[in-house]
């Protein structure tokens, strides 16, 4: 019988994000949108339409706007640009 896990919460997702930032730094953290591969979603973060709530939670916790922007996509864009430059060489 498969193990049934209780879904986490949006606040717990934010806790995990903050832990990862402490371990690897804000320049190496981002969020994906692979909800199609999940069968259970955190309460309050059931799909990408709830991202503004995660953004609000990070801001409520004192995150700087610049760091939130990195997490939401600027880090990914930076990495993709570096990959493109490497491919051109």
C-alpha atoms as a PDB file:
ATOM      1  CA  UNK A   1       0.000   0.000   0.000  1.00  0.00           C
ATOM      2  CA  UNK A   2       1.498   3.375  -1.001  1.00  0.00           C
ATOM      3  CA  UNK A   3       2.463   5.793   1.734  1.00  0.00           C
ATOM      4  CA  UNK A   4      -0.016   8.679   1.976  1.00  0.00           C
ATOM      5  CA  UNK A   5       1.564  11.960   2.953  1.00  0.00           C
ATOM      6  CA  UNK A   6      -0.327  14.951   4.232  1.00  0.00           C
ATOM      7  CA  UNK A   7       0.153  17.975   2.008  1.00  0.00           C
ATOM      8  CA  UNK A   8       2.396  20.675   3.368  1.00  0.00           C
ATOM      9  CA  UNK A   9       1.438  24.319   3.589  1.00  0.00           C
ATOM     10  CA  UNK A  10       2.520  27.420   1.756  1.00  0.00           C
ATOM     11  CA  UNK A  11       4.315  28.551   4.925  1.00  0.00           C
ATOM     12  CA  UNK A  12       6.244  25.261   5.002  1.00  0.00           C
ATOM     13  CA  UNK A  13       7.259  25.771   1.375  1.00  0.00           C
ATOM     14  CA  UNK A  14       8.567  29.207   2.346  1.00  0.00           C
ATOM     15  CA  UNK A  15      10.444  27.587   5.272  1.00  0.00           C
ATOM     16  CA  UNK A  16      12.106  25.159   2.854  1.00  0.00           C
ATOM     17  CA  UNK A  17      12.986  27.926   0.396  1.00  0.00           C
ATOM     18  CA  UNK A  18      14.602  29.920   3.193  1.00  0.00           C
ATOM     19  CA  UNK A  19      16.576  26.863   4.323  1.00  0.00           C
ATOM     20  CA  UNK A  20      17.869  26.280   0.796  1.00  0.00           C
ATOM     21  CA  UNK A  21      18.850  29.956   0.512  1.00  0.00           C
ATOM     22  CA  UNK A  22      20.815  29.616   3.765  1.00  0.00           C
ATOM     23  CA  UNK A  23      22.627  26.554   2.398  1.00  0.00           C
ATOM     24  CA  UNK A  24      23.413  27.648  -1.185  1.00  0.00           C
ATOM     25  CA  UNK A  25      22.690  31.387  -1.346  1.00  0.00           C
ATOM     26  CA  UNK A  26      19.977  33.423  -3.018  1.00  0.00           C
ATOM     27  CA  UNK A  27      21.733  33.387  -6.391  1.00  0.00           C
ATOM     28  CA  UNK A  28      21.213  29.629  -6.718  1.00  0.00           C
ATOM     29  CA  UNK A  29      17.525  29.204  -5.862  1.00  0.00           C
ATOM     30  CA  UNK A  30      14.451  29.407  -8.072  1.00  0.00           C
ATOM     31  CA  UNK A  31      10.944  28.087  -8.394  1.00  0.00           C
ATOM     32  CA  UNK A  32       9.610  25.820 -11.115  1.00  0.00           C
ATOM     33  CA  UNK A  33       6.142  25.176 -12.438  1.00  0.00           C
ATOM     34  CA  UNK A  34       6.131  21.384 -12.676  1.00  0.00           C
ATOM     35  CA  UNK A  35       2.738  20.944 -11.039  1.00  0.00           C
ATOM     36  CA  UNK A  36       1.778  18.359 -13.671  1.00  0.00           C
ATOM     37  CA  UNK A  37       4.161  15.809 -12.165  1.00  0.00           C
ATOM     38  CA  UNK A  38       2.807  16.136  -8.626  1.00  0.00           C
ATOM     39  CA  UNK A  39      -0.122  14.283  -7.135  1.00  0.00           C
ATOM     40  CA  UNK A  40      -0.279  16.255  -3.880  1.00  0.00           C
ATOM     41  CA  UNK A  41       0.186  20.000  -3.627  1.00  0.00           C
ATOM     42  CA  UNK A  42       0.866  22.192  -0.612  1.00  0.00           C
ATOM     43  CA  UNK A  43      -2.243  23.812   0.812  1.00  0.00           C
ATOM     44  CA  UNK A  44      -2.314  27.358  -0.508  1.00  0.00           C
ATOM     45  CA  UNK A  45       0.003  26.519  -3.414  1.00  0.00           C
ATOM     46  CA  UNK A  46      -2.188  24.199  -5.465  1.00  0.00           C
ATOM     47  CA  UNK A  47      -1.124  25.667  -8.823  1.00  0.00           C
ATOM     48  CA  UNK A  48       0.877  28.503 -10.342  1.00  0.00           C
ATOM     49  CA  UNK A  49      -1.991  30.941  -9.835  1.00  0.00           C
ATOM     50  CA  UNK A  50      -1.050  30.853  -6.130  1.00  0.00           C
ATOM     51  CA  UNK A  51       2.525  32.110  -6.686  1.00  0.00           C
ATOM     52  CA  UNK A  52       1.512  35.625  -5.591  1.00  0.00           C
ATOM     53  CA  UNK A  53       0.698  34.171  -2.159  1.00  0.00           C
ATOM     54  CA  UNK A  54       4.183  32.660  -1.892  1.00  0.00           C
ATOM     55  CA  UNK A  55       5.643  35.987  -3.017  1.00  0.00           C
ATOM     56  CA  UNK A  56       3.609  37.780  -0.343  1.00  0.00           C
ATOM     57  CA  UNK A  57       4.780  35.285   2.299  1.00  0.00           C
ATOM     58  CA  UNK A  58       8.444  35.841   1.420  1.00  0.00           C
ATOM     59  CA  UNK A  59       7.955  39.621   1.502  1.00  0.00           C
ATOM     60  CA  UNK A  60       6.147  39.316   4.846  1.00  0.00           C
ATOM     61  CA  UNK A  61       9.200  37.479   6.149  1.00  0.00           C
ATOM     62  CA  UNK A  62      11.398  40.412   5.222  1.00  0.00           C
ATOM     63  CA  UNK A  63      12.773  39.350   1.854  1.00  0.00           C
ATOM     64  CA  UNK A  64      14.087  42.200  -0.286  1.00  0.00           C
ATOM     65  CA  UNK A  65      12.305  42.804  -3.592  1.00  0.00           C
ATOM     66  CA  UNK A  66      15.547  42.036  -5.447  1.00  0.00           C
ATOM     67  CA  UNK A  67      15.842  38.612  -3.800  1.00  0.00           C
ATOM     68  CA  UNK A  68      12.213  37.737  -4.528  1.00  0.00           C
ATOM     69  CA  UNK A  69      12.763  38.629  -8.187  1.00  0.00           C
ATOM     70  CA  UNK A  70      15.832  36.375  -8.294  1.00  0.00           C
ATOM     71  CA  UNK A  71      13.829  33.501  -6.820  1.00  0.00           C
ATOM     72  CA  UNK A  72      10.884  34.029  -9.176  1.00  0.00           C
ATOM     73  CA  UNK A  73      12.902  34.052 -12.390  1.00  0.00           C
ATOM     74  CA  UNK A  74      15.959  36.262 -12.619  1.00  0.00           C
ATOM     75  CA  UNK A  75      18.248  33.446 -11.449  1.00  0.00           C
ATOM     76  CA  UNK A  76      16.848  31.135 -14.117  1.00  0.00           C
ATOM     77  CA  UNK A  77      17.277  33.761 -16.824  1.00  0.00           C
ATOM     78  CA  UNK A  78      20.884  34.356 -15.749  1.00  0.00           C
ATOM     79  CA  UNK A  79      21.660  30.641 -15.957  1.00  0.00           C
ATOM     80  CA  UNK A  80      19.940  30.270 -19.329  1.00  0.00           C
ATOM     81  CA  UNK A  81      21.960  33.189 -20.740  1.00  0.00           C
ATOM     82  CA  UNK A  82      25.181  31.591 -19.492  1.00  0.00           C
ATOM     83  CA  UNK A  83      24.219  28.269 -21.089  1.00  0.00           C
ATOM     84  CA  UNK A  84      23.484  30.003 -24.406  1.00  0.00           C
ATOM     85  CA  UNK A  85      26.841  31.783 -24.291  1.00  0.00           C
ATOM     86  CA  UNK A  86      28.588  28.485 -23.588  1.00  0.00           C
ATOM     87  CA  UNK A  87      26.791  26.830 -26.482  1.00  0.00           C
ATOM     88  CA  UNK A  88      27.857  29.614 -28.856  1.00  0.00           C
ATOM     89  CA  UNK A  89      31.503  28.969 -27.998  1.00  0.00           C
END
